[in-house]
Amino acid sequence: MNLTKTEFQLLCELAERPGQIVTTESLLERVWGYDYLGDSRLVDTQVYRLRLKIEDNPSSPAHLVTVRGMGFKLRP
């Protein structure tokens, strides 16, 4: 499995806090930088691409889960 730089940074941010919710805003700041003026769809798209690579069934993720209205978490 080959991850892009962004996918790898996203995975690292989540892996540093296993089982904890990481907000979309926090991911935008930490992965894309403080001056990035994007929206949450950017994060959603990258999470989707990452799931395609790390999940057995990306449409029903077992590891990288969405916490609706809050962000994402990586199950330990």
Protein backbone atom coordinates (compact mmCIF):
# COMPACT_ATOMS: atom_id res chain seq x y z
CA MET A 1 0.00 0.00 0.00
CA ASN A 2 1.37 3.37 -1.01
CA LEU A 3 0.11 6.44 0.83
CA THR A 4 0.43 9.98 -0.40
CA LYS A 5 2.16 12.47 1.87
CA THR A 6 -1.20 13.91 2.92
CA GLU A 7 -2.72 10.48 3.59
CA PHE A 8 0.31 9.56 5.69
CA GLN A 9 0.12 12.80 7.70
CA LEU A 10 -3.59 12.29 8.25
CA LEU A 11 -3.04 8.72 9.43
CA CYS A 12 -0.26 9.85 11.77
CA GLU A 13 -2.47 12.53 13.33
CA LEU A 14 -5.17 9.98 14.03
CA ALA A 15 -2.74 7.28 15.17
CA GLU A 16 -1.22 9.62 17.75
CA ARG A 17 -4.63 9.69 19.47
CA PRO A 18 -6.03 6.15 19.17
CA GLY A 19 -9.68 5.93 20.15
CA GLN A 20 -9.99 9.69 20.57
CA ILE A 21 -12.06 11.97 18.37
CA VAL A 22 -9.93 14.30 16.28
CA THR A 23 -11.97 17.22 15.01
CA THR A 24 -12.11 18.16 11.36
CA GLU A 25 -10.83 21.63 12.25
CA SER A 26 -7.86 20.15 14.08
CA LEU A 27 -6.99 17.98 11.09
CA LEU A 28 -7.22 20.97 8.75
CA GLU A 29 -4.79 22.87 10.97
CA ARG A 30 -2.34 20.03 11.58
CA VAL A 31 -2.25 18.41 8.15
CA TRP A 32 -2.87 21.36 5.81
CA GLY A 33 -1.45 24.20 7.92
CA TYR A 34 -2.88 27.08 9.93
CA ASP A 35 -3.26 29.34 6.94
CA TYR A 36 -5.29 26.87 4.89
CA LEU A 37 -8.74 28.27 4.21
CA GLY A 38 -10.49 25.13 3.03
CA ASP A 39 -13.60 23.36 4.12
CA SER A 40 -14.34 20.03 5.74
CA ARG A 41 -14.99 18.33 2.40
CA LEU A 42 -11.24 18.29 1.83
CA VAL A 43 -10.79 16.22 4.99
CA ASP A 44 -13.73 13.97 4.07
CA THR A 45 -12.22 13.30 0.65
CA GLN A 46 -8.82 12.42 2.07
CA VAL A 47 -10.36 10.18 4.74
CA TYR A 48 -12.32 8.40 1.99
CA ARG A 49 -9.13 7.84 -0.04
CA LEU A 50 -7.28 6.63 3.04
CA ARG A 51 -10.09 4.19 3.86
CA LEU A 52 -9.81 2.73 0.36
CA LYS A 53 -6.24 1.80 1.21
CA ILE A 54 -6.46 0.66 4.83
CA GLU A 55 -9.94 -0.84 5.24
CA ASP A 56 -11.09 -4.28 4.12
CA ASN A 57 -14.55 -2.80 3.47
CA PRO A 58 -14.24 1.00 3.04
CA SER A 59 -18.02 1.49 2.94
CA SER A 60 -18.27 -0.02 6.43
CA PRO A 61 -14.99 1.03 8.09
CA ALA A 62 -13.70 -0.93 11.05
CA HIS A 63 -10.67 1.23 11.84
CA LEU A 64 -11.08 4.80 10.62
CA VAL A 65 -14.55 5.86 11.73
CA THR A 66 -16.53 9.06 11.37
CA VAL A 67 -17.99 10.66 14.47
CA ARG A 68 -20.85 12.62 12.95
CA GLY A 69 -20.67 16.35 13.58
CA MET A 70 -17.31 16.08 15.34
CA GLY A 71 -14.57 14.48 13.30
CA PHE A 72 -12.85 11.14 13.03
CA LYS A 73 -11.16 8.55 15.19
CA LEU A 74 -8.88 5.62 14.61
CA ARG A 75 -9.95 2.60 16.60
CA PRO A 76 -7.06 0.98 18.51
